[in-house]
């Protein structure tokens, strides 16, 4: 049990149990150990691998230094869409613009 605002509560169990195929497991392990991939891809892969090993969202969030809600979101997206659910989606609004780098 954990204390939250002075009240005790039981950690929630996710309704999205993750079971990986051999191919999914291999791909997620590849992503989780690649230093050349963007950080968000590595973290998402680690989240799903931990979820598949039976670790709860609260523990995954603590280990990866993120919020439980973030873990829950990616777990649910993977459960529903498998590997495709871990990809970036198009965002609404104007794309980010980075200023040109000054040459020193």
PDB file of N, CA and C in Angstrom:
ATOM      1  N   UNK A   1       0.840  -1.183   0.000  1.00  0.00           N
ATOM      2  CA  UNK A   1       0.000   0.000   0.000  1.00  0.00           C
ATOM      3  C   UNK A   1       0.880   1.238   0.000  1.00  0.00           C
ATOM      4  N   UNK A   2       0.386   2.281  -0.643  1.00  0.00           N
ATOM      5  CA  UNK A   2       1.118   3.528  -0.703  1.00  0.00           C
ATOM      6  C   UNK A   2       0.287   4.631  -0.080  1.00  0.00           C
ATOM      7  N   UNK A   3       0.997   5.628   0.427  1.00  0.00           N
ATOM      8  CA  UNK A   3       0.320   6.767   1.016  1.00  0.00           C
ATOM      9  C   UNK A   3       0.203   7.867  -0.022  1.00  0.00           C
ATOM     10  N   UNK A   4      -0.951   8.432  -0.148  1.00  0.00           N
ATOM     11  CA  UNK A   4      -1.188   9.518  -1.085  1.00  0.00           C
ATOM     12  C   UNK A   4      -2.052  10.545  -0.380  1.00  0.00           C
ATOM     13  N   UNK A   5      -1.494  11.731  -0.159  1.00  0.00           N
ATOM     14  CA  UNK A   5      -2.208  12.793   0.556  1.00  0.00           C
ATOM     15  C   UNK A   5      -2.707  12.310   1.911  1.00  0.00           C
ATOM     16  N   UNK A   6      -1.883  11.510   2.597  1.00  0.00           N
ATOM     17  CA  UNK A   6      -2.257  11.047   3.924  1.00  0.00           C
ATOM     18  C   UNK A   6      -3.208   9.874   3.946  1.00  0.00           C
ATOM     19  N   UNK A   7      -3.657   9.412   2.784  1.00  0.00           N
ATOM     20  CA  UNK A   7      -4.566   8.272   2.719  1.00  0.00           C
ATOM     21  C   UNK A   7      -3.828   7.086   2.107  1.00  0.00           C
ATOM     22  N   UNK A   8      -4.147   5.901   2.579  1.00  0.00           N
ATOM     23  CA  UNK A   8      -3.551   4.700   2.008  1.00  0.00           C
ATOM     24  C   UNK A   8      -4.406   4.209   0.853  1.00  0.00           C
ATOM     25  N   UNK A   9      -3.727   3.750  -0.196  1.00  0.00           N
ATOM     26  CA  UNK A   9      -4.461   3.158  -1.297  1.00  0.00           C
ATOM     27  C   UNK A   9      -3.660   2.005  -1.880  1.00  0.00           C
ATOM     28  N   UNK A  10      -4.356   1.065  -2.459  1.00  0.00           N
ATOM     29  CA  UNK A  10      -3.715  -0.082  -3.085  1.00  0.00           C
ATOM     30  C   UNK A  10      -3.319   0.300  -4.504  1.00  0.00           C
ATOM     31  N   UNK A  11      -2.143  -0.153  -4.947  1.00  0.00           N
ATOM     32  CA  UNK A  11      -1.769   0.106  -6.339  1.00  0.00           C
ATOM     33  C   UNK A  11      -2.793  -0.522  -7.278  1.00  0.00           C
ATOM     34  N   UNK A  12      -3.073   0.165  -8.354  1.00  0.00           N
ATOM     35  CA  UNK A  12      -4.041  -0.343  -9.318  1.00  0.00           C
ATOM     36  C   UNK A  12      -3.400  -1.421 -10.184  1.00  0.00           C
ATOM     37  N   UNK A  13      -4.193  -2.415 -10.544  1.00  0.00           N
ATOM     38  CA  UNK A  13      -3.735  -3.426 -11.494  1.00  0.00           C
ATOM     39  C   UNK A  13      -4.324  -3.070 -12.844  1.00  0.00           C
ATOM     40  N   UNK A  14      -3.470  -3.034 -13.843  1.00  0.00           N
ATOM     41  CA  UNK A  14      -3.921  -2.672 -15.181  1.00  0.00           C
ATOM     42  C   UNK A  14      -4.805  -3.772 -15.762  1.00  0.00           C
ATOM     43  N   UNK A  15      -5.890  -3.382 -16.428  1.00  0.00           N
ATOM     44  CA  UNK A  15      -6.725  -4.381 -17.104  1.00  0.00           C
ATOM     45  C   UNK A  15      -6.090  -4.838 -18.421  1.00  0.00           C
ATOM     46  N   UNK A  16      -4.984  -4.214 -18.812  1.00  0.00           N
ATOM     47  CA  UNK A  16      -4.339  -4.526 -20.084  1.00  0.00           C
ATOM     48  C   UNK A  16      -3.122  -5.422 -19.850  1.00  0.00           C
ATOM     49  N   UNK A  17      -3.371  -6.729 -19.759  1.00  0.00           N
ATOM     50  CA  UNK A  17      -2.284  -7.688 -19.578  1.00  0.00           C
ATOM     51  C   UNK A  17      -1.549  -7.842 -20.901  1.00  0.00           C
ATOM     52  N   UNK A  18      -0.252  -7.728 -20.858  1.00  0.00           N
ATOM     53  CA  UNK A  18       0.566  -7.777 -22.061  1.00  0.00           C
ATOM     54  C   UNK A  18       1.212  -9.150 -22.185  1.00  0.00           C
ATOM     55  N   UNK A  19       0.968  -9.800 -23.296  1.00  0.00           N
ATOM     56  CA  UNK A  19       1.649 -11.039 -23.660  1.00  0.00           C
ATOM     57  C   UNK A  19       2.270 -10.808 -25.026  1.00  0.00           C
ATOM     58  N   UNK A  20       3.557 -11.082 -25.130  1.00  0.00           N
ATOM     59  CA  UNK A  20       4.292 -10.796 -26.357  1.00  0.00           C
ATOM     60  C   UNK A  20       4.512 -12.055 -27.184  1.00  0.00           C
ATOM     61  N   UNK A  21       4.439 -11.870 -28.503  1.00  0.00           N
ATOM     62  CA  UNK A  21       4.861 -12.942 -29.399  1.00  0.00           C
ATOM     63  C   UNK A  21       6.384 -12.926 -29.423  1.00  0.00           C
ATOM     64  N   UNK A  22       6.971 -13.956 -29.980  1.00  0.00           N
ATOM     65  CA  UNK A  22       8.435 -14.013 -30.083  1.00  0.00           C
ATOM     66  C   UNK A  22       8.960 -12.847 -30.916  1.00  0.00           C
ATOM     67  N   UNK A  23       8.249 -12.509 -31.982  1.00  0.00           N
ATOM     68  CA  UNK A  23       8.673 -11.405 -32.853  1.00  0.00           C
ATOM     69  C   UNK A  23       8.583 -10.059 -32.135  1.00  0.00           C
ATOM     70  N   UNK A  24       7.481  -9.855 -31.394  1.00  0.00           N
ATOM     71  CA  UNK A  24       7.326  -8.606 -30.647  1.00  0.00           C
ATOM     72  C   UNK A  24       8.402  -8.487 -29.573  1.00  0.00           C
ATOM     73  N   UNK A  25       8.654  -9.568 -28.879  1.00  0.00           N
ATOM     74  CA  UNK A  25       9.675  -9.556 -27.839  1.00  0.00           C
ATOM     75  C   UNK A  25      11.045  -9.222 -28.421  1.00  0.00           C
ATOM     76  N   UNK A  26      11.382  -9.830 -29.536  1.00  0.00           N
ATOM     77  CA  UNK A  26      12.673  -9.567 -30.185  1.00  0.00           C
ATOM     78  C   UNK A  26      12.779  -8.109 -30.611  1.00  0.00           C
ATOM     79  N   UNK A  27      11.713  -7.579 -31.202  1.00  0.00           N
ATOM     80  CA  UNK A  27      11.737  -6.181 -31.662  1.00  0.00           C
ATOM     81  C   UNK A  27      11.827  -5.214 -30.486  1.00  0.00           C
ATOM     82  N   UNK A  28      11.073  -5.455 -29.434  1.00  0.00           N
ATOM     83  CA  UNK A  28      11.113  -4.570 -28.268  1.00  0.00           C
ATOM     84  C   UNK A  28      12.471  -4.626 -27.577  1.00  0.00           C
ATOM     85  N   UNK A  29      13.070  -5.803 -27.486  1.00  0.00           N
ATOM     86  CA  UNK A  29      14.410  -5.912 -26.909  1.00  0.00           C
ATOM     87  C   UNK A  29      15.429  -5.178 -27.763  1.00  0.00           C
ATOM     88  N   UNK A  30      15.280  -5.257 -29.074  1.00  0.00           N
ATOM     89  CA  UNK A  30      16.169  -4.522 -29.979  1.00  0.00           C
ATOM     90  C   UNK A  30      16.044  -3.022 -29.733  1.00  0.00           C
ATOM     91  N   UNK A  31      14.811  -2.531 -29.625  1.00  0.00           N
ATOM     92  CA  UNK A  31      14.595  -1.101 -29.398  1.00  0.00           C
ATOM     93  C   UNK A  31      15.114  -0.662 -28.024  1.00  0.00           C
ATOM     94  N   UNK A  32      14.907  -1.495 -27.025  1.00  0.00           N
ATOM     95  CA  UNK A  32      15.277  -1.131 -25.652  1.00  0.00           C
ATOM     96  C   UNK A  32      16.780  -1.034 -25.450  1.00  0.00           C
ATOM     97  N   UNK A  33      17.545  -1.688 -26.306  1.00  0.00           N
ATOM     98  CA  UNK A  33      18.998  -1.698 -26.131  1.00  0.00           C
ATOM     99  C   UNK A  33      19.747  -0.879 -27.171  1.00  0.00           C
ATOM    100  N   UNK A  34      19.038  -0.181 -28.037  1.00  0.00           N
ATOM    101  CA  UNK A  34      19.687   0.622 -29.079  1.00  0.00           C
ATOM    102  C   UNK A  34      19.937   2.032 -28.556  1.00  0.00           C
ATOM    103  N   UNK A  35      21.182   2.426 -28.550  1.00  0.00           N
ATOM    104  CA  UNK A  35      21.538   3.769 -28.101  1.00  0.00           C
ATOM    105  C   UNK A  35      21.322   4.806 -29.184  1.00  0.00           C
ATOM    106  N   UNK A  36      21.134   4.368 -30.416  1.00  0.00           N
ATOM    107  CA  UNK A  36      20.988   5.315 -31.516  1.00  0.00           C
ATOM    108  C   UNK A  36      19.534   5.686 -31.786  1.00  0.00           C
ATOM    109  N   UNK A  37      18.603   5.022 -31.136  1.00  0.00           N
ATOM    110  CA  UNK A  37      17.186   5.359 -31.313  1.00  0.00           C
ATOM    111  C   UNK A  37      16.832   6.574 -30.464  1.00  0.00           C
ATOM    112  N   UNK A  38      15.794   7.306 -30.858  1.00  0.00           N
ATOM    113  CA  UNK A  38      15.324   8.402 -30.002  1.00  0.00           C
ATOM    114  C   UNK A  38      14.924   7.860 -28.619  1.00  0.00           C
ATOM    115  N   UNK A  39      15.159   8.658 -27.608  1.00  0.00           N
ATOM    116  CA  UNK A  39      14.917   8.273 -26.220  1.00  0.00           C
ATOM    117  C   UNK A  39      13.500   7.740 -26.011  1.00  0.00           C
ATOM    118  N   UNK A  40      12.503   8.402 -26.610  1.00  0.00           N
ATOM    119  CA  UNK A  40      11.120   7.993 -26.380  1.00  0.00           C
ATOM    120  C   UNK A  40      10.864   6.567 -26.886  1.00  0.00           C
ATOM    121  N   UNK A  41      11.519   6.151 -27.950  1.00  0.00           N
ATOM    122  CA  UNK A  41      11.329   4.790 -28.457  1.00  0.00           C
ATOM    123  C   UNK A  41      11.920   3.757 -27.504  1.00  0.00           C
ATOM    124  N   UNK A  42      13.060   4.069 -26.947  1.00  0.00           N
ATOM    125  CA  UNK A  42      13.723   3.171 -26.001  1.00  0.00           C
ATOM    126  C   UNK A  42      12.865   3.010 -24.744  1.00  0.00           C
ATOM    127  N   UNK A  43      12.380   4.123 -24.213  1.00  0.00           N
ATOM    128  CA  UNK A  43      11.569   4.090 -22.985  1.00  0.00           C
ATOM    129  C   UNK A  43      10.259   3.344 -23.208  1.00  0.00           C
ATOM    130  N   UNK A  44       9.603   3.572 -24.327  1.00  0.00           N
ATOM    131  CA  UNK A  44       8.341   2.870 -24.603  1.00  0.00           C
ATOM    132  C   UNK A  44       8.576   1.371 -24.688  1.00  0.00           C
ATOM    133  N   UNK A  45       9.657   0.964 -25.339  1.00  0.00           N
ATOM    134  CA  UNK A  45       9.968  -0.458 -25.444  1.00  0.00           C
ATOM    135  C   UNK A  45      10.219  -1.049 -24.054  1.00  0.00           C
ATOM    136  N   UNK A  46      10.956  -0.335 -23.223  1.00  0.00           N
ATOM    137  CA  UNK A  46      11.223  -0.818 -21.862  1.00  0.00           C
ATOM    138  C   UNK A  46       9.934  -0.933 -21.060  1.00  0.00           C
ATOM    139  N   UNK A  47       9.024   0.033 -21.224  1.00  0.00           N
ATOM    140  CA  UNK A  47       7.746  -0.017 -20.512  1.00  0.00           C
ATOM    141  C   UNK A  47       6.989  -1.299 -20.849  1.00  0.00           C
ATOM    142  N   UNK A  48       6.916  -1.609 -22.138  1.00  0.00           N
ATOM    143  CA  UNK A  48       6.139  -2.777 -22.564  1.00  0.00           C
ATOM    144  C   UNK A  48       6.824  -4.069 -22.140  1.00  0.00           C
ATOM    145  N   UNK A  49       8.146  -4.124 -22.215  1.00  0.00           N
ATOM    146  CA  UNK A  49       8.856  -5.319 -21.764  1.00  0.00           C
ATOM    147  C   UNK A  49       8.628  -5.561 -20.274  1.00  0.00           C
ATOM    148  N   UNK A  50       8.649  -4.504 -19.484  1.00  0.00           N
ATOM    149  CA  UNK A  50       8.395  -4.655 -18.049  1.00  0.00           C
ATOM    150  C   UNK A  50       6.953  -5.082 -17.792  1.00  0.00           C
ATOM    151  N   UNK A  51       6.025  -4.479 -18.548  1.00  0.00           N
ATOM    152  CA  UNK A  51       4.611  -4.841 -18.389  1.00  0.00           C
ATOM    153  C   UNK A  51       4.403  -6.316 -18.734  1.00  0.00           C
ATOM    154  N   UNK A  52       5.071  -6.787 -19.774  1.00  0.00           N
ATOM    155  CA  UNK A  52       4.936  -8.185 -20.181  1.00  0.00           C
ATOM    156  C   UNK A  52       5.510  -9.140 -19.135  1.00  0.00           C
ATOM    157  N   UNK A  53       6.462  -8.650 -18.350  1.00  0.00           N
ATOM    158  CA  UNK A  53       7.034  -9.504 -17.307  1.00  0.00           C
ATOM    159  C   UNK A  53       6.227  -9.448 -16.015  1.00  0.00           C
ATOM    160  N   UNK A  54       5.090  -8.740 -16.034  1.00  0.00           N
ATOM    161  CA  UNK A  54       4.183  -8.737 -14.885  1.00  0.00           C
ATOM    162  C   UNK A  54       4.368  -7.587 -13.918  1.00  0.00           C
ATOM    163  N   UNK A  55       5.210  -6.640 -14.255  1.00  0.00           N
ATOM    164  CA  UNK A  55       5.436  -5.491 -13.373  1.00  0.00           C
ATOM    165  C   UNK A  55       4.289  -4.504 -13.533  1.00  0.00           C
ATOM    166  N   UNK A  56       3.814  -3.954 -12.430  1.00  0.00           N
ATOM    167  CA  UNK A  56       2.699  -3.007 -12.448  1.00  0.00           C
ATOM    168  C   UNK A  56       3.117  -1.622 -12.912  1.00  0.00           C
ATOM    169  N   UNK A  57       2.131  -0.833 -13.298  1.00  0.00           N
ATOM    170  CA  UNK A  57       2.397   0.510 -13.820  1.00  0.00           C
ATOM    171  C   UNK A  57       3.129   1.400 -12.826  1.00  0.00           C
ATOM    172  N   UNK A  58       2.778   1.317 -11.546  1.00  0.00           N
ATOM    173  CA  UNK A  58       3.441   2.155 -10.538  1.00  0.00           C
ATOM    174  C   UNK A  58       4.929   1.836 -10.453  1.00  0.00           C
ATOM    175  N   UNK A  59       5.245   0.547 -10.460  1.00  0.00           N
ATOM    176  CA  UNK A  59       6.649   0.130 -10.376  1.00  0.00           C
ATOM    177  C   UNK A  59       7.421   0.506 -11.645  1.00  0.00           C
ATOM    178  N   UNK A  60       6.800   0.314 -12.809  1.00  0.00           N
ATOM    179  CA  UNK A  60       7.446   0.693 -14.070  1.00  0.00           C
ATOM    180  C   UNK A  60       7.740   2.189 -14.072  1.00  0.00           C
ATOM    181  N   UNK A  61       6.762   2.978 -13.656  1.00  0.00           N
ATOM    182  CA  UNK A  61       6.932   4.431 -13.613  1.00  0.00           C
ATOM    183  C   UNK A  61       8.083   4.813 -12.688  1.00  0.00           C
ATOM    184  N   UNK A  62       8.174   4.167 -11.539  1.00  0.00           N
ATOM    185  CA  UNK A  62       9.246   4.466 -10.599  1.00  0.00           C
ATOM    186  C   UNK A  62      10.607   4.096 -11.189  1.00  0.00           C
ATOM    187  N   UNK A  63      10.690   2.943 -11.811  1.00  0.00           N
ATOM    188  CA  UNK A  63      11.968   2.492 -12.381  1.00  0.00           C
ATOM    189  C   UNK A  63      12.432   3.376 -13.535  1.00  0.00           C
ATOM    190  N   UNK A  64      11.481   3.896 -14.318  1.00  0.00           N
ATOM    191  CA  UNK A  64      11.840   4.696 -15.490  1.00  0.00           C
ATOM    192  C   UNK A  64      11.721   6.200 -15.237  1.00  0.00           C
ATOM    193  N   UNK A  65      11.444   6.560 -13.993  1.00  0.00           N
ATOM    194  CA  UNK A  65      11.354   7.962 -13.604  1.00  0.00           C
ATOM    195  C   UNK A  65      10.360   8.737 -14.466  1.00  0.00           C
ATOM    196  N   UNK A  66       9.155   8.206 -14.526  1.00  0.00           N
ATOM    197  CA  UNK A  66       8.078   8.863 -15.265  1.00  0.00           C
ATOM    198  C   UNK A  66       6.793   8.716 -14.459  1.00  0.00           C
ATOM    199  N   UNK A  67       5.695   9.209 -14.995  1.00  0.00           N
ATOM    200  CA  UNK A  67       4.417   9.140 -14.288  1.00  0.00           C
ATOM    201  C   UNK A  67       3.665   7.858 -14.639  1.00  0.00           C
ATOM    202  N   UNK A  68       2.875   7.374 -13.688  1.00  0.00           N
ATOM    203  CA  UNK A  68       2.065   6.175 -13.908  1.00  0.00           C
ATOM    204  C   UNK A  68       1.111   6.362 -15.088  1.00  0.00           C
ATOM    205  N   UNK A  69       0.581   7.571 -15.253  1.00  0.00           N
ATOM    206  CA  UNK A  69      -0.359   7.833 -16.350  1.00  0.00           C
ATOM    207  C   UNK A  69       0.299   7.627 -17.714  1.00  0.00           C
ATOM    208  N   UNK A  70       1.572   7.975 -17.807  1.00  0.00           N
ATOM    209  CA  UNK A  70       2.307   7.806 -19.065  1.00  0.00           C
ATOM    210  C   UNK A  70       2.466   6.313 -19.359  1.00  0.00           C
ATOM    211  N   UNK A  71       2.844   5.551 -18.348  1.00  0.00           N
ATOM    212  CA  UNK A  71       2.988   4.099 -18.519  1.00  0.00           C
ATOM    213  C   UNK A  71       1.644   3.489 -18.911  1.00  0.00           C
ATOM    214  N   UNK A  72       0.590   3.912 -18.250  1.00  0.00           N
ATOM    215  CA  UNK A  72      -0.743   3.391 -18.535  1.00  0.00           C
ATOM    216  C   UNK A  72      -1.150   3.676 -19.981  1.00  0.00           C
ATOM    217  N   UNK A  73      -0.860   4.871 -20.451  1.00  0.00           N
ATOM    218  CA  UNK A  73      -1.201   5.249 -21.832  1.00  0.00           C
ATOM    219  C   UNK A  73      -0.506   4.334 -22.840  1.00  0.00           C
ATOM    220  N   UNK A  74       0.789   4.123 -22.684  1.00  0.00           N
ATOM    221  CA  UNK A  74       1.538   3.317 -23.649  1.00  0.00           C
ATOM    222  C   UNK A  74       1.190   1.843 -23.537  1.00  0.00           C
ATOM    223  N   UNK A  75       0.909   1.390 -22.335  1.00  0.00           N
ATOM    224  CA  UNK A  75       0.488   0.002 -22.152  1.00  0.00           C
ATOM    225  C   UNK A  75      -0.825  -0.241 -22.882  1.00  0.00           C
ATOM    226  N   UNK A  76      -1.764   0.672 -22.724  1.00  0.00           N
ATOM    227  CA  UNK A  76      -3.064   0.541 -23.382  1.00  0.00           C
ATOM    228  C   UNK A  76      -2.927   0.610 -24.896  1.00  0.00           C
ATOM    229  N   UNK A  77      -2.134   1.551 -25.393  1.00  0.00           N
ATOM    230  CA  UNK A  77      -1.951   1.669 -26.848  1.00  0.00           C
ATOM    231  C   UNK A  77      -1.309   0.404 -27.416  1.00  0.00           C
ATOM    232  N   UNK A  78      -0.317  -0.157 -26.707  1.00  0.00           N
ATOM    233  CA  UNK A  78       0.299  -1.394 -27.196  1.00  0.00           C
ATOM    234  C   UNK A  78      -0.711  -2.535 -27.168  1.00  0.00           C
ATOM    235  N   UNK A  79      -1.487  -2.642 -26.116  1.00  0.00           N
ATOM    236  CA  UNK A  79      -2.486  -3.698 -25.986  1.00  0.00           C
ATOM    237  C   UNK A  79      -3.460  -3.673 -27.164  1.00  0.00           C
ATOM    238  N   UNK A  80      -3.871  -2.480 -27.561  1.00  0.00           N
ATOM    239  CA  UNK A  80      -4.873  -2.330 -28.623  1.00  0.00           C
ATOM    240  C   UNK A  80      -4.279  -2.376 -30.024  1.00  0.00           C
ATOM    241  N   UNK A  81      -3.072  -1.815 -30.209  1.00  0.00           N
ATOM    242  CA  UNK A  81      -2.520  -1.661 -31.561  1.00  0.00           C
ATOM    243  C   UNK A  81      -1.194  -2.383 -31.773  1.00  0.00           C
ATOM    244  N   UNK A  82      -0.710  -3.070 -30.742  1.00  0.00           N
ATOM    245  CA  UNK A  82       0.568  -3.778 -30.776  1.00  0.00           C
ATOM    246  C   UNK A  82       1.712  -2.815 -31.107  1.00  0.00           C
ATOM    247  N   UNK A  83       2.710  -3.223 -31.856  1.00  0.00           N
ATOM    248  CA  UNK A  83       3.885  -2.379 -32.103  1.00  0.00           C
ATOM    249  C   UNK A  83       3.535  -1.047 -32.768  1.00  0.00           C
ATOM    250  N   UNK A  84       2.528  -1.055 -33.627  1.00  0.00           N
ATOM    251  CA  UNK A  84       2.116   0.183 -34.297  1.00  0.00           C
ATOM    252  C   UNK A  84       1.651   1.234 -33.293  1.00  0.00           C
ATOM    253  N   UNK A  85       1.145   0.806 -32.152  1.00  0.00           N
ATOM    254  CA  UNK A  85       0.670   1.729 -31.133  1.00  0.00           C
ATOM    255  C   UNK A  85       1.780   2.507 -30.455  1.00  0.00           C
ATOM    256  N   UNK A  86       3.022   2.051 -30.594  1.00  0.00           N
ATOM    257  CA  UNK A  86       4.148   2.736 -29.961  1.00  0.00           C
ATOM    258  C   UNK A  86       4.745   3.831 -30.842  1.00  0.00           C
ATOM    259  N   UNK A  87       4.274   3.932 -32.071  1.00  0.00           N
ATOM    260  CA  UNK A  87       4.802   4.937 -32.995  1.00  0.00           C
ATOM    261  C   UNK A  87       4.220   6.314 -32.682  1.00  0.00           C
ATOM    262  N   UNK A  88       4.932   7.334 -33.095  1.00  0.00           N
ATOM    263  CA  UNK A  88       4.453   8.709 -32.930  1.00  0.00           C
ATOM    264  C   UNK A  88       3.246   8.936 -33.829  1.00  0.00           C
ATOM    265  N   UNK A  89       2.294   9.662 -33.340  1.00  0.00           N
ATOM    266  CA  UNK A  89       1.117  10.042 -34.137  1.00  0.00           C
ATOM    267  C   UNK A  89       1.298  11.467 -34.624  1.00  0.00           C
ATOM    268  N   UNK A  90       0.634  11.774 -35.714  1.00  0.00           N
ATOM    269  CA  UNK A  90       0.650  13.150 -36.202  1.00  0.00           C
ATOM    270  C   UNK A  90      -0.017  14.036 -35.158  1.00  0.00           C
ATOM    271  N   UNK A  91       0.563  15.181 -34.928  1.00  0.00           N
ATOM    272  CA  UNK A  91       0.005  16.112 -33.946  1.00  0.00           C
ATOM    273  C   UNK A  91      -0.695  17.252 -34.660  1.00  0.00           C
ATOM    274  N   UNK A  92      -1.726  17.735 -34.024  1.00  0.00           N
ATOM    275  CA  UNK A  92      -2.442  18.861 -34.605  1.00  0.00           C
ATOM    276  C   UNK A  92      -1.655  20.145 -34.346  1.00  0.00           C
ATOM    277  N   UNK A  93      -1.970  21.147 -35.098  1.00  0.00           N
ATOM    278  CA  UNK A  93      -1.309  22.428 -34.888  1.00  0.00           C
ATOM    279  C   UNK A  93      -0.079  22.599 -35.755  1.00  0.00           C
ATOM    280  N   UNK A  94       0.516  23.721 -35.578  1.00  0.00           N
ATOM    281  CA  UNK A  94       1.683  24.086 -36.361  1.00  0.00           C
ATOM    282  C   UNK A  94       2.899  23.260 -35.922  1.00  0.00           C
ATOM    283  N   UNK A  95       3.674  22.742 -36.874  1.00  0.00           N
ATOM    284  CA  UNK A  95       4.865  21.974 -36.495  1.00  0.00           C
ATOM    285  C   UNK A  95       5.883  22.843 -35.771  1.00  0.00           C
ATOM    286  N   UNK A  96       6.695  22.207 -34.944  1.00  0.00           N
ATOM    287  CA  UNK A  96       7.748  22.934 -34.252  1.00  0.00           C
ATOM    288  C   UNK A  96       8.724  23.507 -35.265  1.00  0.00           C
ATOM    289  N   UNK A  97       9.230  24.684 -34.943  1.00  0.00           N
ATOM    290  CA  UNK A  97      10.221  25.320 -35.795  1.00  0.00           C
ATOM    291  C   UNK A  97      11.436  25.602 -34.922  1.00  0.00           C
ATOM    292  N   UNK A  98      12.562  25.115 -35.359  1.00  0.00           N
ATOM    293  CA  UNK A  98      13.791  25.360 -34.624  1.00  0.00           C
ATOM    294  C   UNK A  98      14.585  26.413 -35.374  1.00  0.00           C
ATOM    295  N   UNK A  99      15.117  27.398 -34.655  1.00  0.00           N
ATOM    296  CA  UNK A  99      15.883  28.438 -35.326  1.00  0.00           C
ATOM    297  C   UNK A  99      17.170  27.857 -35.891  1.00  0.00           C
ATOM    298  N   UNK A 100      17.683  28.446 -36.970  1.00  0.00           N
ATOM    299  CA  UNK A 100      18.954  27.958 -37.517  1.00  0.00           C
ATOM    300  C   UNK A 100      20.069  28.150 -36.505  1.00  0.00           C
ATOM    301  N   UNK A 101      21.006  27.229 -36.511  1.00  0.00           N
ATOM    302  CA  UNK A 101      22.129  27.315 -35.577  1.00  0.00           C
ATOM    303  C   UNK A 101      23.097  28.391 -36.043  1.00  0.00           C
ATOM    304  N   UNK A 102      23.566  29.142 -35.108  1.00  0.00           N
ATOM    305  CA  UNK A 102      24.563  30.163 -35.408  1.00  0.00           C
ATOM    306  C   UNK A 102      25.912  29.489 -35.561  1.00  0.00           C
ATOM    307  N   UNK A 103      26.655  29.878 -36.560  1.00  0.00           N
ATOM    308  CA  UNK A 103      27.986  29.309 -36.769  1.00  0.00           C
ATOM    309  C   UNK A 103      28.975  30.090 -35.936  1.00  0.00           C
ATOM    310  N   UNK A 104      29.646  29.387 -35.037  1.00  0.00           N
ATOM    311  CA  UNK A 104      30.602  30.036 -34.141  1.00  0.00           C
ATOM    312  C   UNK A 104      31.987  30.044 -34.723  1.00  0.00           C
TER     313      UNK A 104
END
